[in-house]
Amino acid sequence: VTIDWDYVEFNPIQMDEYEFHRPPRRSLREMGMNYYRRMHILALAGHTEEEFKVVKKEIKKWKTNRYLTRALVSSSIPFAKIEDSVESAVRKCRRLVKDDHWKSEKHLFVQ
């Protein structure tokens, strides 16, 4: 496992040949990697403890922002519907009280 843009490129082979020679699928337990192993690999790649702290702080901030966004969106949906209804009612009331410009200019369109 590595975190890098460098990789080893091999010559292409036929799919059947690959399937014949590939090892059996690993179990979830074999694919799992514990915290200390990951940290050791990252340290070998040149990452420092200070970088880990900075990234953890950024991730915590992102999670908080996502939580706040979800909370605001989910709580504002009913209010948005109510707001739309109120705005529509206000427009209709204005049309009743105030002469609509279409009504006042109707004589221009009558033939």
Protein backbone atom coordinates (compact mmCIF):
# COMPACT_ATOMS: atom_id res chain seq x y z
CA VAL A 1 0.00 0.00 0.00
CA THR A 2 1.31 3.44 -0.87
CA ILE A 3 0.10 6.99 -1.25
CA ASP A 4 2.00 8.29 -4.23
CA TRP A 5 1.76 9.21 -7.92
CA ASP A 6 4.65 6.92 -8.83
CA TYR A 7 3.74 3.41 -9.89
CA VAL A 8 5.28 0.40 -11.59
CA GLU A 9 4.00 -0.25 -15.09
CA PHE A 10 3.90 -3.77 -16.50
CA ASN A 11 3.46 -5.03 -20.03
CA PRO A 12 -0.19 -5.74 -20.86
CA ILE A 13 -1.34 -9.37 -20.66
CA GLN A 14 -4.47 -11.21 -21.73
CA MET A 15 -7.35 -11.23 -19.25
CA ASP A 16 -7.51 -15.06 -19.21
CA GLU A 17 -3.79 -15.27 -18.42
CA TYR A 18 -4.17 -12.78 -15.57
CA GLU A 19 -7.16 -14.66 -14.13
CA PHE A 20 -5.28 -17.96 -14.32
CA HIS A 21 -2.18 -16.67 -12.49
CA ARG A 22 -3.68 -14.23 -9.99
CA PRO A 23 -3.71 -15.20 -6.31
CA PRO A 24 -7.04 -15.97 -4.60
CA ARG A 25 -9.07 -13.08 -3.28
CA ARG A 26 -7.97 -11.83 0.13
CA SER A 27 -10.43 -11.78 3.03
CA LEU A 28 -11.54 -8.52 4.65
CA ARG A 29 -9.34 -9.31 7.62
CA GLU A 30 -6.29 -9.68 5.37
CA MET A 31 -7.05 -6.39 3.60
CA GLY A 32 -7.54 -4.46 6.83
CA MET A 33 -4.71 -2.35 8.18
CA ASN A 34 -4.58 -1.07 11.72
CA TYR A 35 -3.84 2.48 12.80
CA TYR A 36 -0.21 1.84 13.76
CA ARG A 37 0.62 0.09 10.48
CA ARG A 38 -0.88 2.98 8.48
CA MET A 39 1.04 5.54 10.55
CA HIS A 40 4.25 3.59 10.08
CA ILE A 41 3.78 3.50 6.29
CA LEU A 42 2.99 7.23 6.18
CA ALA A 43 6.06 7.97 8.32
CA LEU A 44 8.23 5.92 5.95
CA ALA A 45 6.82 7.99 3.08
CA GLY A 46 8.15 11.13 4.80
CA HIS A 47 5.02 12.50 6.48
CA THR A 48 5.47 14.06 9.92
CA GLU A 49 3.39 13.99 13.09
CA GLU A 50 2.74 17.73 12.64
CA GLU A 51 1.22 17.09 9.19
CA PHE A 52 -1.07 14.47 10.73
CA LYS A 53 -2.29 16.97 13.32
CA VAL A 54 -2.96 19.66 10.69
CA VAL A 55 -4.88 17.25 8.47
CA LYS A 56 -6.90 15.88 11.39
CA LYS A 57 -7.88 19.44 12.32
CA GLU A 58 -8.95 20.19 8.72
CA ILE A 59 -10.98 16.99 8.54
CA LYS A 60 -12.74 17.84 11.80
CA LYS A 61 -13.61 21.29 10.41
CA TRP A 62 -14.98 19.74 7.17
CA LYS A 63 -17.09 17.26 9.12
CA THR A 64 -18.51 20.05 11.27
CA ASN A 65 -19.35 22.13 8.19
CA ARG A 66 -21.07 19.13 6.54
CA TYR A 67 -23.06 18.51 9.71
CA LEU A 68 -24.16 22.16 9.86
CA THR A 69 -25.13 22.16 6.19
CA ARG A 70 -27.19 19.00 6.60
CA ALA A 71 -28.88 20.41 9.70
CA LEU A 72 -29.73 23.71 8.00
CA VAL A 73 -31.00 22.10 4.81
CA SER A 74 -33.17 19.55 6.56
CA SER A 75 -34.65 22.11 8.93
CA SER A 76 -35.24 24.78 6.28
CA ILE A 77 -37.28 22.70 3.81
CA PRO A 78 -40.62 23.19 5.60
CA PHE A 79 -39.87 26.89 6.04
CA ALA A 80 -39.06 27.25 2.33
CA LYS A 81 -42.47 25.84 1.39
CA ILE A 82 -44.20 28.16 3.84
CA GLU A 83 -42.18 31.10 2.55
CA ASP A 84 -43.17 30.32 -1.05
CA SER A 85 -46.83 30.13 -0.07
CA VAL A 86 -46.69 33.45 1.79
CA GLU A 87 -44.95 35.18 -1.12
CA SER A 88 -47.58 33.88 -3.53
CA ALA A 89 -50.41 35.08 -1.27
CA VAL A 90 -48.80 38.52 -0.96
CA ARG A 91 -48.55 38.82 -4.76
CA LYS A 92 -52.22 37.88 -5.16
CA CYS A 93 -53.30 40.39 -2.52
CA ARG A 94 -51.33 43.15 -4.23
CA ARG A 95 -53.06 42.36 -7.50
CA LEU A 96 -56.46 42.67 -5.81
CA VAL A 97 -55.69 45.95 -4.08
CA LYS A 98 -53.62 47.65 -6.76
CA ASP A 99 -54.66 48.04 -10.36
CA ASP A 100 -52.62 45.67 -12.41
CA HIS A 101 -50.83 47.39 -15.29
CA TRP A 102 -52.46 44.90 -17.68
CA LYS A 103 -55.89 45.96 -16.47
CA SER A 104 -55.07 49.66 -16.74
CA GLU A 105 -53.72 49.25 -20.29
CA LYS A 106 -56.54 46.95 -21.42
CA HIS A 107 -58.06 49.70 -23.59
CA LEU A 108 -54.90 49.61 -25.75
CA PHE A 109 -55.45 45.96 -26.67
CA VAL A 110 -59.21 45.99 -27.27
CA GLN A 111 -60.10 46.08 -30.93
